[in-house]
Amino acid sequence: MTDQDPTADKVADLEAVLEVTRQLAVTPELPALLRSIERASRKVLRCERASVFLYDADRQELYSKIATGLDELRVPANRGISGEAVQTRQVINVPEAYADPRFNPDVDKQTGFRTRNMLTFPLIDFDGNLVGVLQLLNKVGGTFDDYDEGLGASLCAQVAVAVKRQQLIEQYAEKQRMEHDLSIASAIQQECLPSSDPQISGYDIAGWNKPADETGGDCYDFLPLSDGGLAFTVADATGHGIGPALVIAECRAILRAIVSVTSDLARAVSQANDLLCVDLPAERFVTAFVGILRPERQMVRYLSAGHGPMLLYRAADGRVEQLGATGLPLGILPETEFGPVQEVRLESGDILLVLTDGLLEWARADGTQFGVERTAELVRRHGGESGHRLIQRLYEAVREFGSSTKQADDLTAVVVKRL
C-alpha cells in the first residue's frame, strides 16, 4: 500500500482477489490451477515466494507440487510451521523465521534461498475440511501485517474452494477412466472364454463363468485336440479383480500352448508351473484342473493342481463322489512333479462337475457356506437335466442360499456329462 491513498490501494487489492477468483474458476487442470495460485499469491500479497501444500490425509503429509523455485516437497503434517497451521487451522505469522524454533532451515540450505519472514494459511473447503496450506515467504519491503492476514484469508477462501473443486473433478475423471479401462479389460477377458460349448457325440459339455468384479480371477477353457480328444481346464487365481485377471490370462495361455503340443498331462502341468513360478510374486498362485476327455474310451484323464473338490455323479445309483487335488497349486514351488495322472470312466448319465470355490464358499450372513453336500444333493436331484441347466440351477440355489450377502468371489463351472 502507499501512504498517499490507502483506500484506493485496498480497493485495488480486493479487485485483484476478485480477478484471481475469476481466473481460478476457469482453470481446467489442477497443476495449472496451482501455478495460478502461486503467481496470484505473490502478486496480491507482494512476497518473493509462495508454496501450495496439498493435504494427504492417508499419509498425514503435506506435499507441494508448486513451490516457487523448488521441486516437489513432502513434509509431515504435524511438524513445523505449516504443520501448526494444519493442527490449529489458524493463520501463522512469523516475522523473523530464524528466531522461531518451529522454522526448519534445511530447505534454505538446499536451495540457497534466505527466508526472512513467513505467512502461512490453512486452506479450508466449503465443507470445513482441510485441503492444504498456502505459505508465503519474504514480504517485499518489510514483514507481513494484520492487513496481509485479512487479505490473504480472503484469497485463501477462494483458493480452497477452487482446489477442492478441481480435485473432485479429477477424481471423477479418474474414476471414469478406470471404469472405461475395466470395461475394456472385462470385454477382452470374456472374449478369451469359449464362445460356444464343444459338440462331441455322446456328450453334453457346458461351461459358465461369472466374475465378482468387472474382471475376474477364474477361467475355463476348451481345446479340441487333433487326435479327437478334448482338453478342458478350470483355473482359479488367488483373489479377484484386475491383478488376478492378468495372472489367470497368463495361466490360460500357457496351458493352452503346452497342451496343444503334448497330451502328456504331467509334463504339461509341470512346465506351466515352472513358468508361473518365474513370473508370479510370492503371494500369488493358481489352482487348476486340467483334463482330457477321450470320448472313444468314455474316459477323462486329469491332474488337479490344488484344485478341488471335483464332483463325480454316478447315474446308476445316484452316488456323488468327491475327487481331490493331486498336487500343489501352480506358481508356488518350481520343478515340482505332478502325477500320477488320474482316470475316471464315465458311464451312461454320469457327470463330472468341476467348480471354483466361489460357488461352494458363498456364505450366509452367519458364515455358513453352501458347501459340498448341498451341491451334491442338487446334482442328485437334477442330474438328468442338461449341463447348462444344471449349472444354472446350482447358481440359483447358491444365490438364494446367500441372499443376505453379496457375491464375494468369482464363479466358474464346467460340466462333462455322458449321455
Protein backbone atom coordinates (compact mmCIF):
# COMPACT_ATOMS: atom_id res chain seq x y z
CA MET A 1 0.00 0.00 0.00
CA THR A 2 1.04 3.63 -0.42
CA ASP A 3 0.72 6.36 2.21
CA GLN A 4 -0.98 8.66 -0.31
CA ASP A 5 -4.22 6.79 -0.94
CA PRO A 6 -4.68 3.71 1.28
CA THR A 7 -8.36 3.36 0.33
CA ALA A 8 -7.51 3.13 -3.35
CA ASP A 9 -4.84 0.54 -2.62
CA LYS A 10 -7.29 -1.58 -0.62
CA VAL A 11 -9.82 -1.43 -3.44
CA ALA A 12 -7.11 -2.46 -5.88
CA ASP A 13 -6.18 -5.38 -3.63
CA LEU A 14 -9.79 -6.57 -3.43
CA GLU A 15 -10.15 -6.22 -7.19
CA ALA A 16 -7.00 -8.35 -7.55
CA VAL A 17 -8.56 -11.03 -5.31
CA LEU A 18 -11.73 -10.96 -7.41
CA GLU A 19 -9.68 -11.27 -10.59
CA VAL A 20 -7.84 -14.25 -9.07
CA THR A 21 -11.21 -15.80 -8.21
CA ARG A 22 -12.34 -15.39 -11.80
CA GLN A 23 -9.15 -16.97 -13.14
CA LEU A 24 -9.37 -19.87 -10.71
CA ALA A 25 -12.92 -20.59 -11.82
CA VAL A 26 -11.86 -21.17 -15.43
CA THR A 27 -8.55 -23.00 -14.89
CA PRO A 28 -9.17 -26.53 -16.23
CA GLU A 29 -6.46 -28.67 -14.56
CA LEU A 30 -5.03 -28.94 -11.05
CA PRO A 31 -1.34 -28.31 -11.94
CA ALA A 32 -2.29 -25.19 -13.89
CA LEU A 33 -4.57 -24.12 -11.05
CA LEU A 34 -1.76 -24.47 -8.52
CA ARG A 35 0.59 -22.43 -10.70
CA SER A 36 -2.07 -19.71 -10.96
CA ILE A 37 -2.47 -19.72 -7.18
CA GLU A 38 1.30 -19.40 -6.69
CA ARG A 39 1.60 -16.46 -9.08
CA ALA A 40 -1.53 -14.74 -7.77
CA SER A 41 -0.43 -15.12 -4.14
CA ARG A 42 2.92 -13.47 -4.79
CA LYS A 43 1.23 -10.65 -6.66
CA VAL A 44 -1.59 -9.96 -4.21
CA LEU A 45 0.48 -10.35 -1.03
CA ARG A 46 3.62 -8.84 -2.55
CA CYS A 47 6.10 -11.51 -1.49
CA GLU A 48 9.09 -13.28 -3.01
CA ARG A 49 7.91 -16.90 -2.84
CA ALA A 50 4.73 -18.93 -2.42
CA SER A 51 4.08 -22.61 -1.87
CA VAL A 52 0.80 -24.50 -2.12
CA PHE A 53 0.89 -27.63 0.03
CA LEU A 54 -1.89 -30.16 -0.53
CA TYR A 55 -3.00 -32.34 2.37
CA ASP A 56 -2.61 -36.11 2.08
CA ALA A 57 -4.88 -37.40 4.85
CA ASP A 58 -3.91 -41.06 4.35
CA ARG A 59 -0.21 -40.41 4.81
CA GLN A 60 -0.64 -37.44 7.16
CA GLU A 61 1.64 -35.36 4.96
CA LEU A 62 1.68 -32.04 3.18
CA TYR A 63 3.08 -32.14 -0.32
CA SER A 64 3.85 -29.30 -2.66
CA LYS A 65 3.71 -29.74 -6.41
CA ILE A 66 4.11 -25.99 -6.88
CA ALA A 67 6.62 -24.08 -4.80
CA THR A 68 8.40 -21.12 -6.32
CA GLY A 69 11.88 -22.27 -7.33
CA LEU A 70 11.52 -25.77 -5.88
CA ASP A 71 10.65 -29.30 -6.92
CA GLU A 72 8.01 -31.32 -5.08
CA LEU A 73 8.32 -31.29 -1.30
CA ARG A 74 6.75 -33.63 1.27
CA VAL A 75 6.66 -32.80 4.96
CA PRO A 76 4.85 -34.33 7.96
CA ALA A 77 1.51 -32.64 8.58
CA ASN A 78 2.19 -32.30 12.31
CA ARG A 79 5.60 -30.64 12.22
CA GLY A 80 6.94 -27.18 11.56
CA ILE A 81 5.05 -24.01 10.87
CA SER A 82 2.92 -25.49 8.10
CA GLY A 83 2.12 -28.40 10.42
CA GLU A 84 0.95 -26.00 13.11
CA ALA A 85 -1.37 -24.35 10.59
CA VAL A 86 -2.80 -27.81 9.87
CA GLN A 87 -3.24 -28.70 13.53
CA THR A 88 -4.66 -25.35 14.70
CA ARG A 89 -6.30 -24.28 11.44
CA GLN A 90 -5.11 -20.79 12.25
CA VAL A 91 -3.04 -18.25 10.32
CA ILE A 92 0.60 -18.38 11.42
CA ASN A 93 2.58 -15.12 11.03
CA VAL A 94 6.32 -15.45 11.64
CA PRO A 95 8.09 -12.05 11.44
CA GLU A 96 11.61 -13.48 11.94
CA ALA A 97 11.99 -17.02 10.62
CA TYR A 98 15.39 -17.86 12.11
CA ALA A 99 14.30 -16.63 15.53
CA ASP A 100 11.34 -19.05 15.57
CA PRO A 101 12.15 -22.57 16.87
CA ARG A 102 9.45 -24.05 14.63
CA PHE A 103 11.27 -22.96 11.49
CA ASN A 104 13.18 -25.64 9.56
CA PRO A 105 16.18 -24.09 7.74
CA ASP A 106 17.02 -27.23 5.74
CA VAL A 107 15.21 -26.05 2.60
CA ASP A 108 17.13 -22.78 2.69
CA LYS A 109 20.37 -24.75 2.93
CA GLN A 110 19.39 -26.90 -0.05
CA THR A 111 18.35 -24.00 -2.27
CA GLY A 112 20.49 -21.09 -1.11
CA PHE A 113 17.35 -19.03 -0.50
CA ARG A 114 17.20 -16.97 2.70
CA THR A 115 13.82 -16.89 4.44
CA ARG A 116 13.22 -13.73 6.42
CA ASN A 117 9.54 -13.96 7.34
CA MET A 118 6.57 -16.23 6.67
CA LEU A 119 2.78 -16.10 6.48
CA THR A 120 1.00 -19.48 6.49
CA PHE A 121 -2.72 -20.10 5.86
CA PRO A 122 -4.71 -23.32 6.24
CA LEU A 123 -6.91 -23.98 3.19
CA ILE A 124 -10.40 -24.98 4.34
CA ASP A 125 -13.04 -26.05 1.81
CA PHE A 126 -16.77 -25.33 1.83
CA ASP A 127 -17.43 -28.43 3.98
CA GLY A 128 -14.92 -27.37 6.60
CA ASN A 129 -12.35 -29.96 5.53
CA LEU A 130 -8.64 -29.23 5.29
CA VAL A 131 -7.44 -29.08 1.68
CA GLY A 132 -3.91 -27.89 2.26
CA VAL A 133 -1.73 -24.96 3.25
CA LEU A 134 -0.64 -21.77 1.46
CA GLN A 135 2.73 -20.48 2.64
CA LEU A 136 4.17 -17.08 1.68
CA LEU A 137 7.82 -16.11 2.18
CA ASN A 138 9.55 -12.74 2.46
CA LYS A 139 7.19 -9.79 2.29
CA VAL A 140 8.67 -7.26 -0.14
CA GLY A 141 9.87 -4.21 1.81
CA GLY A 142 9.06 -5.42 5.31
CA THR A 143 7.05 -8.02 7.24
CA PHE A 144 3.52 -9.35 6.91
CA ASP A 145 0.96 -7.40 8.97
CA ASP A 146 -2.69 -7.71 10.01
CA TYR A 147 -3.85 -6.34 6.68
CA ASP A 148 -1.91 -9.04 4.84
CA GLU A 149 -3.50 -11.67 7.07
CA GLY A 150 -7.01 -10.41 6.25
CA LEU A 151 -6.30 -10.08 2.55
CA GLY A 152 -4.68 -13.50 2.46
CA ALA A 153 -7.63 -15.05 4.28
CA SER A 154 -9.98 -13.68 1.60
CA LEU A 155 -7.75 -15.07 -1.11
CA CYS A 156 -7.38 -18.46 0.61
CA ALA A 157 -11.14 -18.88 0.95
CA GLN A 158 -11.36 -18.77 -2.84
CA VAL A 159 -8.25 -20.88 -3.30
CA ALA A 160 -9.51 -23.70 -1.05
CA VAL A 161 -12.82 -23.95 -2.91
CA ALA A 162 -11.06 -23.90 -6.30
CA VAL A 163 -8.57 -26.61 -5.28
CA LYS A 164 -11.28 -28.83 -3.80
CA ARG A 165 -13.44 -28.41 -6.87
CA GLN A 166 -10.60 -29.37 -9.17
CA GLN A 167 -9.65 -32.36 -7.02
CA LEU A 168 -13.23 -33.63 -7.20
CA ILE A 169 -13.29 -33.12 -10.95
CA GLU A 170 -10.03 -35.03 -11.38
CA GLN A 171 -11.18 -37.81 -9.06
CA TYR A 172 -14.36 -38.16 -11.10
CA ALA A 173 -12.39 -38.15 -14.35
CA GLU A 174 -10.00 -40.78 -12.98
CA LYS A 175 -12.93 -42.92 -11.89
CA GLN A 176 -14.41 -42.63 -15.38
CA ARG A 177 -11.07 -43.61 -16.95
CA MET A 178 -10.74 -46.59 -14.64
CA GLU A 179 -14.27 -47.75 -15.35
CA HIS A 180 -13.62 -47.41 -19.08
CA ASP A 181 -10.35 -49.37 -18.82
CA LEU A 182 -12.03 -52.04 -16.68
CA SER A 183 -14.86 -52.38 -19.18
CA ILE A 184 -12.30 -52.96 -21.94
CA ALA A 185 -10.41 -55.47 -19.77
CA SER A 186 -13.68 -57.22 -18.96
CA ALA A 187 -14.62 -57.43 -22.63
CA ILE A 188 -11.19 -58.84 -23.53
CA GLN A 189 -11.39 -61.40 -20.73
CA GLN A 190 -14.87 -62.52 -21.72
CA GLU A 191 -13.69 -62.90 -25.31
CA CYS A 192 -10.96 -65.27 -24.06
CA LEU A 193 -13.63 -67.60 -22.70
CA PRO A 194 -15.00 -70.18 -25.14
CA SER A 195 -17.60 -68.62 -27.43
CA SER A 196 -19.52 -71.90 -27.56
CA ASP A 197 -19.50 -75.30 -25.91
CA PRO A 198 -17.86 -78.28 -27.64
CA GLN A 199 -20.14 -80.56 -29.64
CA ILE A 200 -18.96 -84.14 -29.10
CA SER A 201 -21.16 -87.08 -29.98
CA GLY A 202 -22.48 -88.82 -26.89
CA TYR A 203 -21.61 -85.99 -24.52
CA ASP A 204 -23.18 -82.85 -23.10
CA ILE A 205 -20.43 -80.35 -22.21
CA ALA A 206 -21.09 -76.92 -20.73
CA GLY A 207 -19.01 -74.11 -19.22
CA TRP A 208 -20.01 -70.96 -17.32
CA ASN A 209 -18.30 -68.04 -15.61
CA LYS A 210 -19.47 -65.05 -13.55
CA PRO A 211 -16.77 -62.76 -12.10
CA ALA A 212 -17.30 -60.91 -8.82
CA ASP A 213 -15.89 -57.66 -10.30
CA GLU A 214 -15.60 -56.30 -13.81
CA THR A 215 -12.69 -58.67 -14.26
CA GLY A 216 -12.16 -61.99 -12.53
CA GLY A 217 -9.51 -64.43 -11.41
CA ASP A 218 -11.30 -67.56 -12.71
CA CYS A 219 -11.39 -69.07 -16.16
CA TYR A 220 -12.40 -72.18 -18.02
CA ASP A 221 -11.23 -73.34 -21.43
CA PHE A 222 -11.95 -75.99 -24.05
CA LEU A 223 -9.34 -77.07 -26.58
CA PRO A 224 -10.17 -79.70 -29.24
CA LEU A 225 -7.15 -81.91 -29.91
CA SER A 226 -6.02 -83.26 -33.26
CA ASP A 227 -6.48 -86.87 -32.11
CA GLY A 228 -10.17 -86.34 -31.34
CA GLY A 229 -9.78 -85.68 -27.63
CA LEU A 230 -10.91 -82.57 -25.80
CA ALA A 231 -8.68 -80.77 -23.32
CA PHE A 232 -10.54 -78.70 -20.75
CA THR A 233 -9.33 -76.51 -17.91
CA VAL A 234 -10.80 -74.78 -14.87
CA ALA A 235 -8.40 -72.42 -13.08
CA ASP A 236 -8.65 -70.01 -10.17
CA ALA A 237 -6.04 -67.38 -9.30
CA THR A 238 -5.89 -66.06 -5.74
CA GLY A 239 -8.17 -63.05 -5.28
CA HIS A 240 -10.36 -61.38 -7.84
CA GLY A 241 -10.13 -58.19 -9.84
CA ILE A 242 -7.62 -56.84 -12.35
CA GLY A 243 -4.48 -58.40 -10.79
CA PRO A 244 -5.77 -62.00 -10.69
CA ALA A 245 -7.32 -61.43 -14.13
CA LEU A 246 -3.83 -60.81 -15.55
CA VAL A 247 -2.49 -63.89 -13.75
CA ILE A 248 -5.29 -66.13 -14.99
CA ALA A 249 -4.88 -64.84 -18.56
CA GLU A 250 -1.22 -65.88 -18.48
CA CYS A 251 -2.06 -69.25 -16.94
CA ARG A 252 -4.71 -69.97 -19.60
CA ALA A 253 -2.33 -69.01 -22.41
CA ILE A 254 0.48 -71.18 -21.03
CA LEU A 255 -1.69 -74.25 -20.51
CA ARG A 256 -3.34 -73.89 -23.90
CA ALA A 257 0.02 -73.59 -25.66
CA ILE A 258 1.58 -76.58 -23.91
CA VAL A 259 -1.43 -78.91 -24.11
CA SER A 260 -1.78 -78.15 -27.82
CA VAL A 261 1.60 -79.81 -28.48
CA THR A 262 1.60 -82.61 -25.90
CA SER A 263 -1.06 -84.81 -24.35
CA ASP A 264 1.33 -85.72 -21.51
CA LEU A 265 -0.59 -84.04 -18.69
CA ALA A 266 2.17 -84.44 -16.10
CA ARG A 267 4.68 -82.76 -18.38
CA ALA A 268 2.23 -80.02 -19.40
CA VAL A 269 1.27 -79.09 -15.84
CA SER A 270 4.90 -79.21 -14.63
CA GLN A 271 6.05 -76.89 -17.42
CA ALA A 272 3.19 -74.49 -16.73
CA ASN A 273 4.10 -74.49 -13.04
CA ASP A 274 7.76 -73.68 -13.74
CA LEU A 275 6.84 -70.76 -16.00
CA LEU A 276 4.37 -69.33 -13.48
CA CYS A 277 6.90 -69.68 -10.64
CA VAL A 278 9.20 -67.35 -12.59
CA ASP A 279 6.53 -64.72 -13.20
CA LEU A 280 4.28 -64.71 -10.13
CA PRO A 281 5.10 -62.87 -6.89
CA ALA A 282 5.28 -64.95 -3.72
CA GLU A 283 1.72 -64.20 -2.61
CA ARG A 284 0.14 -65.27 -5.91
CA PHE A 285 -0.71 -68.78 -7.07
CA VAL A 286 -3.24 -70.60 -9.25
CA THR A 287 -5.27 -73.72 -8.61
CA ALA A 288 -6.02 -75.57 -11.84
CA PHE A 289 -7.85 -78.66 -13.04
CA VAL A 290 -6.53 -79.89 -16.40
CA GLY A 291 -8.36 -82.78 -18.03
CA ILE A 292 -8.55 -84.56 -21.36
CA LEU A 293 -11.76 -86.28 -22.43
CA ARG A 294 -11.26 -89.37 -24.56
CA PRO A 295 -14.77 -89.90 -25.93
CA GLU A 296 -13.92 -93.13 -27.75
CA ARG A 297 -12.86 -94.65 -24.41
CA GLN A 298 -15.53 -92.92 -22.28
CA MET A 299 -12.64 -91.71 -20.15
CA VAL A 300 -11.41 -88.46 -18.57
CA ARG A 301 -7.74 -88.29 -17.62
CA TYR A 302 -6.85 -85.37 -15.34
CA LEU A 303 -4.49 -83.67 -12.93
CA SER A 304 -5.57 -81.20 -10.28
CA ALA A 305 -3.01 -78.65 -9.12
CA GLY A 306 -4.50 -77.72 -5.77
CA HIS A 307 -7.99 -77.56 -7.25
CA GLY A 308 -10.88 -79.36 -5.63
CA PRO A 309 -13.08 -80.96 -4.80
CA MET A 310 -14.47 -82.12 -8.13
CA LEU A 311 -17.77 -84.00 -8.02
CA LEU A 312 -18.48 -87.21 -9.95
CA TYR A 313 -22.15 -88.17 -10.18
CA ARG A 314 -22.92 -91.82 -10.83
CA ALA A 315 -26.29 -92.08 -12.54
CA ALA A 316 -26.64 -95.84 -11.91
CA ASP A 317 -27.05 -95.49 -8.15
CA GLY A 318 -27.18 -91.71 -7.54
CA ARG A 319 -23.86 -91.61 -5.71
CA VAL A 320 -21.77 -88.40 -5.75
CA GLU A 321 -18.04 -88.94 -5.28
CA GLN A 322 -15.57 -86.24 -4.31
CA LEU A 323 -12.32 -86.15 -6.29
CA GLY A 324 -9.45 -84.37 -4.55
CA ALA A 325 -6.40 -82.44 -5.70
CA THR A 326 -3.41 -84.39 -6.97
CA GLY A 327 -0.69 -81.80 -6.31
CA LEU A 328 0.26 -78.31 -5.20
CA PRO A 329 -1.22 -75.18 -6.79
CA LEU A 330 0.73 -73.68 -9.68
CA GLY A 331 3.29 -70.94 -9.10
CA ILE A 332 4.39 -71.95 -5.60
CA LEU A 333 7.30 -74.39 -5.94
CA PRO A 334 9.36 -74.77 -9.15
CA GLU A 335 10.46 -78.13 -10.52
CA THR A 336 7.50 -79.85 -8.90
CA GLU A 337 6.42 -83.19 -10.35
CA PHE A 338 2.69 -83.62 -10.88
CA GLY A 339 1.11 -87.02 -11.03
CA PRO A 340 0.21 -89.71 -11.33
CA VAL A 341 -2.48 -88.81 -13.85
CA GLN A 342 -5.93 -89.85 -12.64
CA GLU A 343 -8.53 -91.58 -14.79
CA VAL A 344 -12.31 -91.53 -14.48
CA ARG A 345 -14.58 -93.71 -16.62
CA LEU A 346 -17.95 -92.15 -17.47
CA GLU A 347 -20.93 -94.50 -17.78
CA SER A 348 -24.28 -93.51 -19.28
CA GLY A 349 -25.69 -90.46 -17.42
CA ASP A 350 -22.55 -89.88 -15.32
CA ILE A 351 -21.49 -86.28 -14.72
CA LEU A 352 -18.10 -84.77 -13.89
CA LEU A 353 -18.62 -81.35 -12.29
CA VAL A 354 -15.60 -79.04 -11.87
CA LEU A 355 -16.21 -75.83 -9.89
CA THR A 356 -14.24 -72.98 -8.43
CA ASP A 357 -14.59 -72.34 -4.71
CA GLY A 358 -16.70 -69.22 -5.15
CA LEU A 359 -19.77 -71.42 -5.57
CA LEU A 360 -19.02 -73.76 -2.69
CA GLU A 361 -17.93 -70.99 -0.30
CA TRP A 362 -20.72 -68.47 -0.89
CA ALA A 363 -21.86 -67.91 2.69
CA ARG A 364 -24.85 -66.59 4.57
CA ALA A 365 -24.50 -63.64 6.92
CA ASP A 366 -23.76 -66.05 9.79
CA GLY A 367 -20.81 -67.54 7.88
CA THR A 368 -22.47 -70.83 6.88
CA GLN A 369 -21.23 -71.85 3.43
CA PHE A 370 -23.26 -73.50 0.68
CA GLY A 371 -20.74 -76.31 0.73
CA VAL A 372 -20.14 -79.63 -0.98
CA GLU A 373 -23.08 -81.56 0.48
CA ARG A 374 -25.71 -79.10 -0.78
CA THR A 375 -24.00 -79.14 -4.18
CA ALA A 376 -24.00 -82.95 -4.26
CA GLU A 377 -27.68 -83.11 -3.32
CA LEU A 378 -28.56 -80.66 -6.09
CA VAL A 379 -26.65 -82.79 -8.62
CA ARG A 380 -28.51 -85.91 -7.44
CA ARG A 381 -31.88 -84.19 -7.88
CA HIS A 382 -31.17 -82.63 -11.27
CA GLY A 383 -28.56 -84.92 -12.80
CA GLY A 384 -30.95 -85.85 -15.60
CA GLU A 385 -31.07 -82.27 -16.93
CA SER A 386 -28.72 -80.65 -19.43
CA GLY A 387 -25.32 -79.41 -18.40
CA HIS A 388 -26.27 -75.76 -18.81
CA ARG A 389 -29.49 -76.20 -16.87
CA LEU A 390 -27.63 -77.98 -14.08
CA ILE A 391 -25.16 -75.09 -13.76
CA GLN A 392 -28.00 -72.55 -13.72
CA ARG A 393 -29.82 -74.49 -11.03
CA LEU A 394 -26.65 -74.55 -8.97
CA TYR A 395 -26.12 -70.81 -9.37
CA GLU A 396 -29.74 -70.06 -8.50
CA ALA A 397 -29.54 -72.28 -5.41
CA VAL A 398 -26.29 -70.69 -4.25
CA ARG A 399 -27.60 -67.18 -4.82
CA GLU A 400 -30.82 -67.94 -2.92
CA PHE A 401 -28.84 -69.56 -0.10
CA GLY A 402 -26.62 -66.48 0.24
CA SER A 403 -29.34 -63.92 -0.50
CA SER A 404 -28.31 -61.86 2.54
CA THR A 405 -24.76 -61.43 1.22
CA LYS A 406 -23.15 -60.19 -1.98
CA GLN A 407 -21.12 -62.31 -4.36
CA ALA A 408 -17.63 -62.19 -2.86
CA ASP A 409 -15.69 -64.41 -5.27
CA ASP A 410 -15.62 -65.38 -8.93
CA LEU A 411 -17.84 -68.27 -10.01
CA THR A 412 -16.92 -70.85 -12.65
CA ALA A 413 -18.30 -74.29 -13.51
CA VAL A 414 -17.73 -76.94 -16.17
CA VAL A 415 -19.98 -79.98 -16.67
CA VAL A 416 -18.94 -83.04 -18.68
CA LYS A 417 -21.90 -85.43 -18.97
CA ARG A 418 -22.06 -88.68 -20.84
CA LEU A 419 -25.48 -89.01 -22.49
